[in-house]
Amino acid sequence: MKRLSEFIKDKRKEEGLTQEEFADRAGVALTVIRKIEQGKENLNLSSVNQVLAMFGQVLVPMDSSEVSGNDSGS
């Protein structure tokens, strides 16, 4: 599975856009694009989804058991 940072950077480059142009089109600050592409972990989900919406994608929050694959309810 491709990391979010790689996905966004690859898609932006496919469109032939600079980070600044991409941020303008997505309606987010340039720093949002830079943080995503650098793989920063402390990102605002709504800003990330605003960027992903340009490609028909969305991230949804998951609880920790879904992320780790553990079923602590058994």
Protein backbone atom coordinates (compact mmCIF):
# COMPACT_ATOMS: atom_id res chain seq x y z
CA MET A 1 0.00 0.00 0.00
CA LYS A 2 1.34 3.38 -0.98
CA ARG A 3 1.97 5.89 1.79
CA LEU A 4 -0.14 9.03 1.80
CA SER A 5 2.95 11.19 1.24
CA GLU A 6 3.97 9.20 -1.85
CA PHE A 7 0.42 9.11 -3.22
CA ILE A 8 -0.03 12.90 -2.98
CA LYS A 9 3.41 13.70 -4.36
CA ASP A 10 3.01 11.28 -7.28
CA LYS A 11 -0.46 12.59 -8.15
CA ARG A 12 0.72 16.22 -7.94
CA LYS A 13 3.63 15.49 -10.27
CA GLU A 14 1.35 13.60 -12.69
CA GLU A 15 -0.69 16.80 -12.93
CA GLY A 16 2.50 18.80 -13.55
CA LEU A 17 1.88 21.09 -10.57
CA THR A 18 4.23 22.72 -8.12
CA GLN A 19 3.40 22.40 -4.44
CA GLU A 20 2.16 25.99 -4.47
CA GLU A 21 -0.09 25.47 -7.50
CA PHE A 22 -1.44 22.27 -6.02
CA ALA A 23 -2.20 23.96 -2.69
CA ASP A 24 -4.07 26.74 -4.52
CA ARG A 25 -6.18 24.25 -6.48
CA ALA A 26 -6.92 22.17 -3.38
CA GLY A 27 -7.82 25.28 -1.38
CA VAL A 28 -5.30 24.62 1.38
CA ALA A 29 -2.19 26.36 2.64
CA LEU A 30 1.14 25.49 1.06
CA THR A 31 2.33 24.21 4.44
CA VAL A 32 -0.40 21.54 4.36
CA ILE A 33 0.97 20.12 1.10
CA ARG A 34 4.53 20.28 2.38
CA LYS A 35 3.63 18.49 5.62
CA ILE A 36 1.75 15.75 3.76
CA GLU A 37 4.56 15.17 1.28
CA GLN A 38 7.15 15.14 4.08
CA GLY A 39 5.19 12.41 5.85
CA LYS A 40 4.42 14.47 8.94
CA GLU A 41 2.11 12.66 11.33
CA ASN A 42 0.32 15.57 12.99
CA LEU A 43 -2.06 16.52 10.18
CA ASN A 44 -5.58 17.89 10.21
CA LEU A 45 -7.87 15.19 8.78
CA SER A 46 -10.20 17.69 7.12
CA SER A 47 -7.27 19.38 5.34
CA VAL A 48 -5.92 16.03 4.18
CA ASN A 49 -9.37 15.07 2.89
CA GLN A 50 -9.66 18.39 1.08
CA VAL A 51 -6.46 17.51 -0.79
CA LEU A 52 -7.50 13.90 -1.41
CA ALA A 53 -10.88 15.01 -2.75
CA MET A 54 -9.07 16.26 -5.87
CA PHE A 55 -8.45 12.58 -6.69
CA GLY A 56 -11.78 11.18 -5.53
CA GLN A 57 -10.24 9.78 -2.33
CA VAL A 58 -10.96 10.22 1.38
CA LEU A 59 -9.41 9.13 4.69
CA VAL A 60 -11.65 8.02 7.50
CA PRO A 61 -10.74 7.82 11.17
CA MET A 62 -10.23 4.33 12.59
CA ASP A 63 -9.98 3.19 16.16
CA SER A 64 -6.69 1.74 17.37
CA SER A 65 -7.87 -1.90 17.24
CA GLU A 66 -8.59 -1.54 13.51
CA VAL A 67 -5.13 -0.09 12.90
CA SER A 68 -3.23 -2.73 14.88
CA GLY A 69 -5.41 -5.63 13.74
CA ASN A 70 -6.01 -6.69 17.34
CA ASP A 71 -9.44 -7.78 18.44
CA SER A 72 -9.42 -6.88 22.12
CA GLY A 73 -13.15 -7.53 22.38
CA SER A 74 -12.68 -11.34 22.55
